[in-house]
Structures are given as structure tokens and as C-alpha cells.
PDB file of N, CA and C in Angstrom:
ATOM      1  N   UNK A   1     -10.882 -89.885  54.183  1.00  0.00           N
ATOM      2  CA  UNK A   1     -10.824 -88.579  54.729  1.00  0.00           C
ATOM      3  C   UNK A   1     -11.431 -87.781  53.789  1.00  0.00           C
ATOM      4  N   UNK A   2     -11.944 -86.747  54.881  1.00  0.00           N
ATOM      5  CA  UNK A   2     -12.815 -85.182  54.250  1.00  0.00           C
ATOM      6  C   UNK A   2     -11.869 -84.455  53.679  1.00  0.00           C
ATOM      7  N   UNK A   3     -12.253 -83.541  52.938  1.00  0.00           N
ATOM      8  CA  UNK A   3     -11.857 -82.380  52.430  1.00  0.00           C
ATOM      9  C   UNK A   3     -11.725 -81.055  53.488  1.00  0.00           C
ATOM     10  N   UNK A   4     -12.477 -81.354  53.870  1.00  0.00           N
ATOM     11  CA  UNK A   4     -12.836 -79.952  54.986  1.00  0.00           C
ATOM     12  C   UNK A   4     -13.199 -80.524  56.258  1.00  0.00           C
ATOM     13  N   UNK A   5     -12.748 -80.152  57.476  1.00  0.00           N
ATOM     14  CA  UNK A   5     -13.498 -80.479  58.816  1.00  0.00           C
ATOM     15  C   UNK A   5     -14.237 -79.228  59.291  1.00  0.00           C
ATOM     16  N   UNK A   6     -14.909 -79.205  59.779  1.00  0.00           N
ATOM     17  CA  UNK A   6     -15.804 -78.187  60.709  1.00  0.00           C
ATOM     18  C   UNK A   6     -15.265 -77.814  62.247  1.00  0.00           C
ATOM     19  N   UNK A   7     -14.566 -77.114  62.663  1.00  0.00           N
ATOM     20  CA  UNK A   7     -14.098 -77.319  63.874  1.00  0.00           C
ATOM     21  C   UNK A   7     -14.681 -75.599  64.874  1.00  0.00           C
ATOM     22  N   UNK A   8     -15.619 -75.486  64.487  1.00  0.00           N
ATOM     23  CA  UNK A   8     -16.324 -74.198  64.905  1.00  0.00           C
ATOM     24  C   UNK A   8     -16.600 -74.713  66.438  1.00  0.00           C
ATOM     25  N   UNK A   9     -17.292 -75.831  66.895  1.00  0.00           N
ATOM     26  CA  UNK A   9     -17.633 -75.826  68.211  1.00  0.00           C
ATOM     27  C   UNK A   9     -16.778 -76.325  68.771  1.00  0.00           C
ATOM     28  N   UNK A  10     -15.374 -76.616  68.347  1.00  0.00           N
ATOM     29  CA  UNK A  10     -14.478 -77.080  68.970  1.00  0.00           C
ATOM     30  C   UNK A  10     -14.481 -76.420  70.640  1.00  0.00           C
ATOM     31  N   UNK A  11     -13.372 -77.418  71.529  1.00  0.00           N
ATOM     32  CA  UNK A  11     -13.163 -76.604  72.600  1.00  0.00           C
ATOM     33  C   UNK A  11     -11.626 -76.579  73.162  1.00  0.00           C
ATOM     34  N   UNK A  12     -11.138 -75.675  73.264  1.00  0.00           N
ATOM     35  CA  UNK A  12      -9.614 -75.748  73.649  1.00  0.00           C
ATOM     36  C   UNK A  12      -9.383 -76.352  74.865  1.00  0.00           C
ATOM     37  N   UNK A  13      -8.132 -77.313  74.023  1.00  0.00           N
ATOM     38  CA  UNK A  13      -7.703 -78.388  75.380  1.00  0.00           C
ATOM     39  C   UNK A  13      -7.072 -77.558  76.739  1.00  0.00           C
ATOM     40  N   UNK A  14      -7.999 -77.799  77.715  1.00  0.00           N
ATOM     41  CA  UNK A  14      -7.748 -77.120  79.100  1.00  0.00           C
ATOM     42  C   UNK A  14      -6.331 -78.093  79.827  1.00  0.00           C
ATOM     43  N   UNK A  15      -5.558 -78.896  79.485  1.00  0.00           N
ATOM     44  CA  UNK A  15      -4.670 -79.146  79.890  1.00  0.00           C
ATOM     45  C   UNK A  15      -3.675 -78.766  78.906  1.00  0.00           C
ATOM     46  N   UNK A  16      -3.375 -77.939  78.057  1.00  0.00           N
ATOM     47  CA  UNK A  16      -2.874 -77.136  77.597  1.00  0.00           C
ATOM     48  C   UNK A  16      -1.427 -76.648  78.415  1.00  0.00           C
ATOM     49  N   UNK A  17      -2.059 -75.991  79.294  1.00  0.00           N
ATOM     50  CA  UNK A  17      -1.275 -75.064  80.054  1.00  0.00           C
ATOM     51  C   UNK A  17      -0.464 -75.956  81.315  1.00  0.00           C
ATOM     52  N   UNK A  18      -0.626 -77.122  81.122  1.00  0.00           N
ATOM     53  CA  UNK A  18       0.069 -78.532  82.358  1.00  0.00           C
ATOM     54  C   UNK A  18       0.933 -79.129  81.274  1.00  0.00           C
ATOM     55  N   UNK A  19       1.714 -78.653  80.507  1.00  0.00           N
ATOM     56  CA  UNK A  19       2.688 -79.364  79.407  1.00  0.00           C
ATOM     57  C   UNK A  19       3.540 -79.312  80.506  1.00  0.00           C
ATOM     58  N   UNK A  20       4.504 -80.569  80.554  1.00  0.00           N
ATOM     59  CA  UNK A  20       5.447 -81.180  81.534  1.00  0.00           C
ATOM     60  C   UNK A  20       6.987 -80.566  80.367  1.00  0.00           C
ATOM     61  N   UNK A  21       7.649 -80.136  81.528  1.00  0.00           N
ATOM     62  CA  UNK A  21       9.242 -79.624  80.574  1.00  0.00           C
ATOM     63  C   UNK A  21      10.151 -80.922  81.167  1.00  0.00           C
ATOM     64  N   UNK A  22      10.812 -81.236  79.864  1.00  0.00           N
ATOM     65  CA  UNK A  22      11.804 -82.672  80.556  1.00  0.00           C
ATOM     66  C   UNK A  22      13.086 -81.768  80.729  1.00  0.00           C
ATOM     67  N   UNK A  23      13.540 -82.041  82.025  1.00  0.00           N
ATOM     68  CA  UNK A  23      15.012 -81.721  82.557  1.00  0.00           C
ATOM     69  C   UNK A  23      16.097 -82.754  82.575  1.00  0.00           C
ATOM     70  N   UNK A  24      17.247 -82.380  83.029  1.00  0.00           N
ATOM     71  CA  UNK A  24      17.858 -83.440  83.655  1.00  0.00           C
ATOM     72  C   UNK A  24      18.597 -82.925  84.752  1.00  0.00           C
ATOM     73  N   UNK A  25      18.534 -83.746  85.701  1.00  0.00           N
ATOM     74  CA  UNK A  25      19.231 -83.429  87.089  1.00  0.00           C
ATOM     75  C   UNK A  25      20.032 -84.241  87.413  1.00  0.00           C
ATOM     76  N   UNK A  26      21.447 -84.562  88.054  1.00  0.00           N
ATOM     77  CA  UNK A  26      21.998 -85.200  89.173  1.00  0.00           C
ATOM     78  C   UNK A  26      21.396 -85.655  90.319  1.00  0.00           C
ATOM     79  N   UNK A  27      21.327 -86.699  90.300  1.00  0.00           N
ATOM     80  CA  UNK A  27      20.288 -87.477  91.711  1.00  0.00           C
ATOM     81  C   UNK A  27      21.216 -88.559  92.329  1.00  0.00           C
ATOM     82  N   UNK A  28      21.638 -88.115  93.639  1.00  0.00           N
ATOM     83  CA  UNK A  28      22.792 -89.211  93.969  1.00  0.00           C
ATOM     84  C   UNK A  28      21.752 -90.395  94.216  1.00  0.00           C
ATOM     85  N   UNK A  29      22.505 -91.827  94.454  1.00  0.00           N
ATOM     86  CA  UNK A  29      21.985 -93.066  94.202  1.00  0.00           C
ATOM     87  C   UNK A  29      21.131 -93.543  95.840  1.00  0.00           C
ATOM     88  N   UNK A  30      21.688 -92.952  96.565  1.00  0.00           N
ATOM     89  CA  UNK A  30      20.579 -92.746  98.007  1.00  0.00           C
ATOM     90  C   UNK A  30      18.994 -92.625  97.965  1.00  0.00           C
ATOM     91  N   UNK A  31      18.984 -91.333  97.176  1.00  0.00           N
ATOM     92  CA  UNK A  31      17.913 -90.357  97.076  1.00  0.00           C
ATOM     93  C   UNK A  31      16.853 -91.212  95.922  1.00  0.00           C
ATOM     94  N   UNK A  32      17.453 -91.526  94.747  1.00  0.00           N
ATOM     95  CA  UNK A  32      16.892 -92.602  94.175  1.00  0.00           C
ATOM     96  C   UNK A  32      16.904 -93.623  94.588  1.00  0.00           C
ATOM     97  N   UNK A  33      17.525 -94.302  95.122  1.00  0.00           N
ATOM     98  CA  UNK A  33      16.537 -95.511  95.655  1.00  0.00           C
ATOM     99  C   UNK A  33      15.538 -95.321  96.524  1.00  0.00           C
ATOM    100  N   UNK A  34      15.810 -94.313  97.564  1.00  0.00           N
ATOM    101  CA  UNK A  34      14.397 -94.359  98.140  1.00  0.00           C
ATOM    102  C   UNK A  34      13.252 -93.827  97.319  1.00  0.00           C
ATOM    103  N   UNK A  35      13.044 -93.277  96.217  1.00  0.00           N
ATOM    104  CA  UNK A  35      11.803 -92.912  95.456  1.00  0.00           C
ATOM    105  C   UNK A  35      11.652 -94.381  94.537  1.00  0.00           C
ATOM    106  N   UNK A  36      12.893 -94.952  94.341  1.00  0.00           N
ATOM    107  CA  UNK A  36      12.564 -96.453  93.569  1.00  0.00           C
ATOM    108  C   UNK A  36      12.024 -97.286  94.821  1.00  0.00           C
ATOM    109  N   UNK A  37      12.150 -97.171  95.588  1.00  0.00           N
ATOM    110  CA  UNK A  37      11.919 -98.020  96.708  1.00  0.00           C
ATOM    111  C   UNK A  37      10.122 -97.715  97.141  1.00  0.00           C
ATOM    112  N   UNK A  38      10.086 -96.643  97.063  1.00  0.00           N
ATOM    113  CA  UNK A  38       8.416 -96.179  97.343  1.00  0.00           C
ATOM    114  C   UNK A  38       7.712 -96.183  95.825  1.00  0.00           C
ATOM    115  N   UNK A  39       8.471 -96.414  94.630  1.00  0.00           N
ATOM    116  CA  UNK A  39       7.467 -96.849  93.739  1.00  0.00           C
ATOM    117  C   UNK A  39       7.242 -98.062  93.776  1.00  0.00           C
ATOM    118  N   UNK A  40       8.293 -99.115  93.972  1.00  0.00           N
ATOM    119  CA  UNK A  40       8.019-100.300  94.223  1.00  0.00           C
ATOM    120  C   UNK A  40       6.605-100.527  94.956  1.00  0.00           C
ATOM    121  N   UNK A  41       6.528 -99.775  96.132  1.00  0.00           N
ATOM    122  CA  UNK A  41       5.574-100.086  97.548  1.00  0.00           C
ATOM    123  C   UNK A  41       3.950 -99.406  96.729  1.00  0.00           C
ATOM    124  N   UNK A  42       4.092 -98.687  96.205  1.00  0.00           N
ATOM    125  CA  UNK A  42       2.938 -97.815  95.588  1.00  0.00           C
ATOM    126  C   UNK A  42       2.547 -98.021  93.873  1.00  0.00           C
ATOM    127  N   UNK A  43       3.357 -98.819  93.355  1.00  0.00           N
ATOM    128  CA  UNK A  43       2.935 -99.277  91.840  1.00  0.00           C
ATOM    129  C   UNK A  43       2.899 -98.029  91.004  1.00  0.00           C
ATOM    130  N   UNK A  44       3.505 -96.850  91.472  1.00  0.00           N
ATOM    131  CA  UNK A  44       3.792 -95.469  90.660  1.00  0.00           C
ATOM    132  C   UNK A  44       5.172 -94.961  90.356  1.00  0.00           C
ATOM    133  N   UNK A  45       5.284 -94.947  89.098  1.00  0.00           N
ATOM    134  CA  UNK A  45       6.713 -94.861  88.863  1.00  0.00           C
ATOM    135  C   UNK A  45       7.805 -93.643  89.629  1.00  0.00           C
ATOM    136  N   UNK A  46       8.642 -93.743  89.439  1.00  0.00           N
ATOM    137  CA  UNK A  46       9.455 -93.349  90.531  1.00  0.00           C
ATOM    138  C   UNK A  46       9.807 -91.524  90.091  1.00  0.00           C
ATOM    139  N   UNK A  47       9.828 -91.182  88.775  1.00  0.00           N
ATOM    140  CA  UNK A  47       9.730 -90.091  88.090  1.00  0.00           C
ATOM    141  C   UNK A  47       8.402 -89.204  88.611  1.00  0.00           C
ATOM    142  N   UNK A  48       7.436 -89.914  88.434  1.00  0.00           N
ATOM    143  CA  UNK A  48       5.969 -89.435  88.853  1.00  0.00           C
ATOM    144  C   UNK A  48       6.076 -88.858  90.186  1.00  0.00           C
ATOM    145  N   UNK A  49       6.622 -89.832  91.203  1.00  0.00           N
ATOM    146  CA  UNK A  49       6.691 -89.708  92.838  1.00  0.00           C
ATOM    147  C   UNK A  49       7.918 -88.562  93.039  1.00  0.00           C
ATOM    148  N   UNK A  50       8.731 -88.091  92.277  1.00  0.00           N
ATOM    149  CA  UNK A  50       9.724 -86.965  92.314  1.00  0.00           C
ATOM    150  C   UNK A  50       8.789 -85.697  91.995  1.00  0.00           C
ATOM    151  N   UNK A  51       8.232 -85.968  91.153  1.00  0.00           N
ATOM    152  CA  UNK A  51       7.574 -84.807  90.276  1.00  0.00           C
ATOM    153  C   UNK A  51       6.200 -84.303  91.407  1.00  0.00           C
ATOM    154  N   UNK A  52       5.574 -85.294  92.120  1.00  0.00           N
ATOM    155  CA  UNK A  52       4.433 -85.141  93.139  1.00  0.00           C
ATOM    156  C   UNK A  52       5.060 -84.505  94.109  1.00  0.00           C
ATOM    157  N   UNK A  53       6.160 -84.929  94.660  1.00  0.00           N
ATOM    158  CA  UNK A  53       7.285 -84.226  95.948  1.00  0.00           C
ATOM    159  C   UNK A  53       7.195 -82.916  95.875  1.00  0.00           C
ATOM    160  N   UNK A  54       7.964 -82.590  93.924  1.00  0.00           N
ATOM    161  CA  UNK A  54       8.480 -81.189  93.949  1.00  0.00           C
ATOM    162  C   UNK A  54       7.140 -80.402  93.941  1.00  0.00           C
ATOM    163  N   UNK A  55       6.519 -80.795  93.324  1.00  0.00           N
ATOM    164  CA  UNK A  55       4.881 -79.731  93.035  1.00  0.00           C
ATOM    165  C   UNK A  55       4.528 -79.644  94.487  1.00  0.00           C
ATOM    166  N   UNK A  56       4.438 -80.613  95.248  1.00  0.00           N
ATOM    167  CA  UNK A  56       4.063 -80.317  96.655  1.00  0.00           C
ATOM    168  C   UNK A  56       4.733 -79.214  97.539  1.00  0.00           C
ATOM    169  N   UNK A  57       6.242 -79.211  97.560  1.00  0.00           N
ATOM    170  CA  UNK A  57       7.035 -78.105  98.003  1.00  0.00           C
ATOM    171  C   UNK A  57       6.987 -76.755  97.530  1.00  0.00           C
ATOM    172  N   UNK A  58       6.355 -77.114  96.164  1.00  0.00           N
ATOM    173  CA  UNK A  58       6.282 -75.896  95.780  1.00  0.00           C
ATOM    174  C   UNK A  58       5.401 -75.101  96.374  1.00  0.00           C
ATOM    175  N   UNK A  59       3.796 -75.745  96.242  1.00  0.00           N
ATOM    176  CA  UNK A  59       2.738 -75.117  96.054  1.00  0.00           C
ATOM    177  C   UNK A  59       2.470 -74.994  97.752  1.00  0.00           C
ATOM    178  N   UNK A  60       3.375 -75.445  98.744  1.00  0.00           N
ATOM    179  CA  UNK A  60       3.239 -75.205  99.923  1.00  0.00           C
ATOM    180  C   UNK A  60       4.238 -74.361 100.594  1.00  0.00           C
ATOM    181  N   UNK A  61       5.331 -73.866  99.354  1.00  0.00           N
ATOM    182  CA  UNK A  61       6.091 -72.718  99.419  1.00  0.00           C
ATOM    183  C   UNK A  61       7.366 -73.262 100.156  1.00  0.00           C
ATOM    184  N   UNK A  62       7.363 -74.572 100.720  1.00  0.00           N
ATOM    185  CA  UNK A  62       8.710 -74.992 101.720  1.00  0.00           C
ATOM    186  C   UNK A  62       9.730 -74.495 101.245  1.00  0.00           C
ATOM    187  N   UNK A  63      10.635 -74.268 102.554  1.00  0.00           N
ATOM    188  CA  UNK A  63      11.848 -73.067 102.383  1.00  0.00           C
ATOM    189  C   UNK A  63      12.775 -74.389 103.023  1.00  0.00           C
ATOM    190  N   UNK A  64      14.030 -74.596 102.028  1.00  0.00           N
ATOM    191  CA  UNK A  64      14.799 -75.455 102.407  1.00  0.00           C
ATOM    192  C   UNK A  64      16.225 -75.094 103.726  1.00  0.00           C
ATOM    193  N   UNK A  65      15.919 -75.799 104.671  1.00  0.00           N
ATOM    194  CA  UNK A  65      16.951 -75.524 105.669  1.00  0.00           C
ATOM    195  C   UNK A  65      18.251 -76.341 105.718  1.00  0.00           C
ATOM    196  N   UNK A  66      19.496 -75.727 105.464  1.00  0.00           N
ATOM    197  CA  UNK A  66      20.484 -76.379 105.144  1.00  0.00           C
ATOM    198  C   UNK A  66      21.717 -76.266 106.610  1.00  0.00           C
ATOM    199  N   UNK A  67      21.846 -77.567 107.134  1.00  0.00           N
ATOM    200  CA  UNK A  67      22.100 -77.713 108.406  1.00  0.00           C
ATOM    201  C   UNK A  67      23.967 -78.478 108.058  1.00  0.00           C
ATOM    202  N   UNK A  68      24.895 -77.807 108.543  1.00  0.00           N
ATOM    203  CA  UNK A  68      26.105 -78.330 107.993  1.00  0.00           C
ATOM    204  C   UNK A  68      26.677 -78.276 109.550  1.00  0.00           C
TER     205      UNK A  68
END
């Protein structure tokens, strides 16, 4: 290894602002089963599918309608 490195021409990481924060949320078995079946069909981990769905909802500013 070198004693010193020159970082004067380095570029800031463009993905630094897209760091994900890990959380824990309760999800019922039916909902989790739905995303796991989508995962099996598409070959995408179910956690990524849930993230993509939530991000899409946020970007479109979808409003939740609760019917009782």
C-alpha cells in the first residue's frame, strides 16, 4: 500500500442520498404471501417489491381510502 493517496480528482458518490433505512413493520400473512408470490413470478426479492410499491405510492401521492 502507498503511504499517501491523491483524492484531488475524486468524484462524490452520486448514490449517497439514496441510502435506505432499515425498519421493522408488522405485515399480515396474506399480504406477505401476495408479495412473496409476486417475487416468485418475477424473480425479484419480496422486500424489493414492497419497497418499489411504497415508493410508487409516495411518488404518486396516493391517498389511502379506508372503508369499514
